């Protein structure tokens, strides 16, 4: 009887030891998985921070360029200078026909500039869309590649 009881206890101990070993393996696998996801998250977060910094610099650069261009426009269209230039140009117009011709010329130039601006805006929007798509594709590709690498390292 004592031997049977001892054998039962030994069997129970062995079963519990196996369960402990299995739980330790599962815990270890869980830690490895958590570490993998932590690394992926940190990598993605670092990429986002890098992108954000790049875009901040780009925005700052564009703001500087806008300010520069506004300064050029202000210089170009300084009120006193512009007024004098316009008065000289108007003084050269002698007839209604010349005035009509000048008006037509100005309207054509305005239309051409509006069309050029529209084309430039469309091109800018398309470029922005293409760059955003390319950036998204690159991030997706990088994420898939890292996930594949991480799976390859975890599996024996």
C-alpha atoms as a PDB file:
ATOM      1  CA  UNK A   1       0.000   0.000   0.000  1.00  0.00           C
ATOM      2  CA  UNK A   2       2.763   2.437   0.920  1.00  0.00           C
ATOM      3  CA  UNK A   3       4.579   1.630  -2.253  1.00  0.00           C
ATOM      4  CA  UNK A   4       1.465   2.313  -4.323  1.00  0.00           C
ATOM      5  CA  UNK A   5       0.933   5.603  -2.517  1.00  0.00           C
ATOM      6  CA  UNK A   6       4.572   6.536  -3.070  1.00  0.00           C
ATOM      7  CA  UNK A   7       4.283   5.629  -6.742  1.00  0.00           C
ATOM      8  CA  UNK A   8       1.130   7.729  -7.017  1.00  0.00           C
ATOM      9  CA  UNK A   9       2.883  10.672  -5.424  1.00  0.00           C
ATOM     10  CA  UNK A  10       5.894  10.270  -7.710  1.00  0.00           C
ATOM     11  CA  UNK A  11       3.636  10.145 -10.743  1.00  0.00           C
ATOM     12  CA  UNK A  12       1.790  13.250  -9.545  1.00  0.00           C
ATOM     13  CA  UNK A  13       5.112  15.029  -8.938  1.00  0.00           C
ATOM     14  CA  UNK A  14       6.345  14.092 -12.420  1.00  0.00           C
ATOM     15  CA  UNK A  15       3.080  15.344 -13.948  1.00  0.00           C
ATOM     16  CA  UNK A  16       3.367  18.618 -12.060  1.00  0.00           C
ATOM     17  CA  UNK A  17       7.023  18.971 -13.097  1.00  0.00           C
ATOM     18  CA  UNK A  18       6.030  18.469 -16.725  1.00  0.00           C
ATOM     19  CA  UNK A  19       3.282  21.062 -16.379  1.00  0.00           C
ATOM     20  CA  UNK A  20       5.730  23.507 -14.756  1.00  0.00           C
ATOM     21  CA  UNK A  21       8.236  22.920 -17.580  1.00  0.00           C
ATOM     22  CA  UNK A  22       5.521  23.429 -20.191  1.00  0.00           C
ATOM     23  CA  UNK A  23       4.328  26.624 -18.511  1.00  0.00           C
ATOM     24  CA  UNK A  24       7.906  27.883 -18.337  1.00  0.00           C
ATOM     25  CA  UNK A  25       8.295  27.230 -22.060  1.00  0.00           C
ATOM     26  CA  UNK A  26       5.036  29.055 -22.771  1.00  0.00           C
ATOM     27  CA  UNK A  27       6.114  31.955 -20.556  1.00  0.00           C
ATOM     28  CA  UNK A  28       9.466  32.092 -22.369  1.00  0.00           C
ATOM     29  CA  UNK A  29       7.703  32.053 -25.751  1.00  0.00           C
ATOM     30  CA  UNK A  30       5.389  34.801 -24.516  1.00  0.00           C
ATOM     31  CA  UNK A  31       8.359  36.925 -23.461  1.00  0.00           C
ATOM     32  CA  UNK A  32      10.035  36.359 -26.816  1.00  0.00           C
ATOM     33  CA  UNK A  33       6.859  37.349 -28.645  1.00  0.00           C
ATOM     34  CA  UNK A  34       6.463  40.438 -26.465  1.00  0.00           C
ATOM     35  CA  UNK A  35      10.091  41.375 -27.115  1.00  0.00           C
ATOM     36  CA  UNK A  36       9.593  40.917 -30.862  1.00  0.00           C
ATOM     37  CA  UNK A  37       6.530  43.173 -30.824  1.00  0.00           C
ATOM     38  CA  UNK A  38       8.311  45.694 -28.613  1.00  0.00           C
ATOM     39  CA  UNK A  39      11.173  45.859 -31.117  1.00  0.00           C
ATOM     40  CA  UNK A  40       8.755  46.223 -34.040  1.00  0.00           C
ATOM     41  CA  UNK A  41       6.876  48.952 -32.197  1.00  0.00           C
ATOM     42  CA  UNK A  42      10.105  50.799 -31.347  1.00  0.00           C
ATOM     43  CA  UNK A  43      11.319  50.529 -34.929  1.00  0.00           C
ATOM     44  CA  UNK A  44       8.007  51.834 -36.257  1.00  0.00           C
ATOM     45  CA  UNK A  45       7.945  54.623 -33.659  1.00  0.00           C
ATOM     46  CA  UNK A  46      11.481  55.643 -34.587  1.00  0.00           C
ATOM     47  CA  UNK A  47      10.520  55.713 -38.267  1.00  0.00           C
ATOM     48  CA  UNK A  48       7.488  57.870 -37.454  1.00  0.00           C
ATOM     49  CA  UNK A  49       9.678  60.247 -35.404  1.00  0.00           C
ATOM     50  CA  UNK A  50      12.181  60.435 -38.261  1.00  0.00           C
ATOM     51  CA  UNK A  51       9.373  61.116 -40.751  1.00  0.00           C
ATOM     52  CA  UNK A  52       7.842  63.733 -38.470  1.00  0.00           C
ATOM     53  CA  UNK A  53      11.203  65.496 -38.112  1.00  0.00           C
ATOM     54  CA  UNK A  54      11.732  65.370 -41.881  1.00  0.00           C
ATOM     55  CA  UNK A  55       8.280  66.843 -42.499  1.00  0.00           C
ATOM     56  CA  UNK A  56       8.858  69.550 -39.864  1.00  0.00           C
ATOM     57  CA  UNK A  57      12.065  70.510 -41.655  1.00  0.00           C
ATOM     58  CA  UNK A  58      10.288  70.452 -45.011  1.00  0.00           C
ATOM     59  CA  UNK A  59       7.489  72.654 -43.671  1.00  0.00           C
ATOM     60  CA  UNK A  60      10.013  75.076 -42.175  1.00  0.00           C
ATOM     61  CA  UNK A  61      11.880  75.169 -45.476  1.00  0.00           C
ATOM     62  CA  UNK A  62       8.667  75.793 -47.416  1.00  0.00           C
ATOM     63  CA  UNK A  63       7.625  78.535 -44.995  1.00  0.00           C
ATOM     64  CA  UNK A  64      11.004  80.180 -45.469  1.00  0.00           C
ATOM     65  CA  UNK A  65      10.627  79.895 -49.234  1.00  0.00           C
ATOM     66  CA  UNK A  66       7.128  81.394 -49.070  1.00  0.00           C
ATOM     67  CA  UNK A  67       8.392  84.269 -46.954  1.00  0.00           C
ATOM     68  CA  UNK A  68      11.256  84.789 -49.395  1.00  0.00           C
ATOM     69  CA  UNK A  69       8.888  84.779 -52.347  1.00  0.00           C
ATOM     70  CA  UNK A  70       6.520  87.155 -50.583  1.00  0.00           C
ATOM     71  CA  UNK A  71       9.479  89.432 -49.967  1.00  0.00           C
ATOM     72  CA  UNK A  72      10.366  89.273 -53.664  1.00  0.00           C
ATOM     73  CA  UNK A  73       6.765  90.060 -54.556  1.00  0.00           C
ATOM     74  CA  UNK A  74       6.748  92.992 -52.156  1.00  0.00           C
ATOM     75  CA  UNK A  75       9.982  94.263 -53.679  1.00  0.00           C
ATOM     76  CA  UNK A  76       8.702  93.728 -57.195  1.00  0.00           C
ATOM     77  CA  UNK A  77       5.406  95.423 -56.499  1.00  0.00           C
ATOM     78  CA  UNK A  78       6.519  98.167 -54.208  1.00  0.00           C
ATOM     79  CA  UNK A  79       3.655 100.665 -54.306  1.00  0.00           C
ATOM     80  CA  UNK A  80       5.679 103.720 -55.314  1.00  0.00           C
ATOM     81  CA  UNK A  81       7.726 101.882 -57.926  1.00  0.00           C
ATOM     82  CA  UNK A  82       4.716 100.041 -59.297  1.00  0.00           C
ATOM     83  CA  UNK A  83       2.671 103.208 -59.474  1.00  0.00           C
ATOM     84  CA  UNK A  84       5.421 105.045 -61.364  1.00  0.00           C
ATOM     85  CA  UNK A  85       5.908 102.152 -63.777  1.00  0.00           C
ATOM     86  CA  UNK A  86       2.176 101.885 -64.395  1.00  0.00           C
ATOM     87  CA  UNK A  87       1.863 105.620 -64.988  1.00  0.00           C
ATOM     88  CA  UNK A  88       4.679 105.460 -67.575  1.00  0.00           C
ATOM     89  CA  UNK A  89       3.040 102.537 -69.322  1.00  0.00           C
ATOM     90  CA  UNK A  90      -0.385 104.226 -69.319  1.00  0.00           C
ATOM     91  CA  UNK A  91       1.128 107.453 -70.617  1.00  0.00           C
ATOM     92  CA  UNK A  92       2.424 105.557 -73.654  1.00  0.00           C
ATOM     93  CA  UNK A  93      -1.118 104.528 -74.617  1.00  0.00           C
ATOM     94  CA  UNK A  94      -2.481 107.167 -76.987  1.00  0.00           C
ATOM     95  CA  UNK A  95      -5.635 105.677 -78.451  1.00  0.00           C
ATOM     96  CA  UNK A  96      -8.593 103.575 -77.372  1.00  0.00           C
ATOM     97  CA  UNK A  97      -7.381 100.875 -79.782  1.00  0.00           C
ATOM     98  CA  UNK A  98      -3.998 100.758 -78.032  1.00  0.00           C
ATOM     99  CA  UNK A  99      -5.804 100.575 -74.683  1.00  0.00           C
ATOM    100  CA  UNK A 100      -7.964  97.692 -75.949  1.00  0.00           C
ATOM    101  CA  UNK A 101      -4.887  95.891 -77.292  1.00  0.00           C
ATOM    102  CA  UNK A 102      -3.092  96.349 -73.964  1.00  0.00           C
ATOM    103  CA  UNK A 103      -6.141  95.128 -72.052  1.00  0.00           C
ATOM    104  CA  UNK A 104      -6.381  92.043 -74.267  1.00  0.00           C
ATOM    105  CA  UNK A 105      -2.675  91.402 -73.775  1.00  0.00           C
ATOM    106  CA  UNK A 106      -3.021  91.717 -69.986  1.00  0.00           C
ATOM    107  CA  UNK A 107      -6.073  89.442 -69.920  1.00  0.00           C
ATOM    108  CA  UNK A 108      -4.265  86.815 -72.018  1.00  0.00           C
ATOM    109  CA  UNK A 109      -1.247  86.989 -69.697  1.00  0.00           C
ATOM    110  CA  UNK A 110      -3.525  86.675 -66.658  1.00  0.00           C
ATOM    111  CA  UNK A 111      -5.251  83.643 -68.186  1.00  0.00           C
ATOM    112  CA  UNK A 112      -1.898  82.071 -69.064  1.00  0.00           C
ATOM    113  CA  UNK A 113      -0.643  82.613 -65.505  1.00  0.00           C
ATOM    114  CA  UNK A 114      -3.855  81.210 -64.036  1.00  0.00           C
ATOM    115  CA  UNK A 115      -3.516  78.122 -66.231  1.00  0.00           C
ATOM    116  CA  UNK A 116       0.159  77.730 -65.274  1.00  0.00           C
ATOM    117  CA  UNK A 117      -0.775  78.050 -61.597  1.00  0.00           C
ATOM    118  CA  UNK A 118      -3.541  75.464 -61.985  1.00  0.00           C
ATOM    119  CA  UNK A 119      -1.148  73.040 -63.688  1.00  0.00           C
ATOM    120  CA  UNK A 120       1.449  73.627 -60.971  1.00  0.00           C
ATOM    121  CA  UNK A 121      -1.153  73.019 -58.247  1.00  0.00           C
ATOM    122  CA  UNK A 122      -2.327  69.815 -59.959  1.00  0.00           C
ATOM    123  CA  UNK A 123       1.264  68.620 -60.356  1.00  0.00           C
ATOM    124  CA  UNK A 124       1.958  69.415 -56.715  1.00  0.00           C
ATOM    125  CA  UNK A 125      -1.114  67.482 -55.579  1.00  0.00           C
ATOM    126  CA  UNK A 126      -0.161  64.507 -57.759  1.00  0.00           C
ATOM    127  CA  UNK A 127       3.417  64.563 -56.470  1.00  0.00           C
ATOM    128  CA  UNK A 128       2.194  64.697 -52.878  1.00  0.00           C
ATOM    129  CA  UNK A 129      -0.172  61.780 -53.562  1.00  0.00           C
ATOM    130  CA  UNK A 130       2.601  59.756 -55.239  1.00  0.00           C
ATOM    131  CA  UNK A 131       5.055  60.433 -52.410  1.00  0.00           C
ATOM    132  CA  UNK A 132       2.479  59.536 -49.771  1.00  0.00           C
ATOM    133  CA  UNK A 133       1.661  56.307 -51.592  1.00  0.00           C
ATOM    134  CA  UNK A 134       5.346  55.462 -52.010  1.00  0.00           C
ATOM    135  CA  UNK A 135       5.998  56.176 -48.348  1.00  0.00           C
ATOM    136  CA  UNK A 136       3.068  53.991 -47.299  1.00  0.00           C
ATOM    137  CA  UNK A 137       4.239  51.182 -49.600  1.00  0.00           C
ATOM    138  CA  UNK A 138       7.768  51.444 -48.219  1.00  0.00           C
ATOM    139  CA  UNK A 139       6.531  51.275 -44.632  1.00  0.00           C
ATOM    140  CA  UNK A 140       4.277  48.299 -45.433  1.00  0.00           C
ATOM    141  CA  UNK A 141       7.140  46.536 -47.183  1.00  0.00           C
ATOM    142  CA  UNK A 142       9.514  47.230 -44.317  1.00  0.00           C
ATOM    143  CA  UNK A 143       6.960  46.007 -41.785  1.00  0.00           C
ATOM    144  CA  UNK A 144       6.374  42.792 -43.742  1.00  0.00           C
ATOM    145  CA  UNK A 145      10.114  42.245 -44.140  1.00  0.00           C
ATOM    146  CA  UNK A 146      10.767  42.730 -40.442  1.00  0.00           C
ATOM    147  CA  UNK A 147       7.854  40.494 -39.513  1.00  0.00           C
ATOM    148  CA  UNK A 148       9.223  37.786 -41.813  1.00  0.00           C
ATOM    149  CA  UNK A 149      12.695  38.181 -40.303  1.00  0.00           C
ATOM    150  CA  UNK A 150      11.272  38.058 -36.789  1.00  0.00           C
ATOM    151  CA  UNK A 151       9.245  34.917 -37.566  1.00  0.00           C
ATOM    152  CA  UNK A 152      12.346  33.277 -39.026  1.00  0.00           C
ATOM    153  CA  UNK A 153      14.300  33.963 -35.828  1.00  0.00           C
ATOM    154  CA  UNK A 154      11.588  32.657 -33.505  1.00  0.00           C
ATOM    155  CA  UNK A 155      10.810  29.400 -35.286  1.00  0.00           C
ATOM    156  CA  UNK A 156      13.410  26.622 -34.811  1.00  0.00           C
END
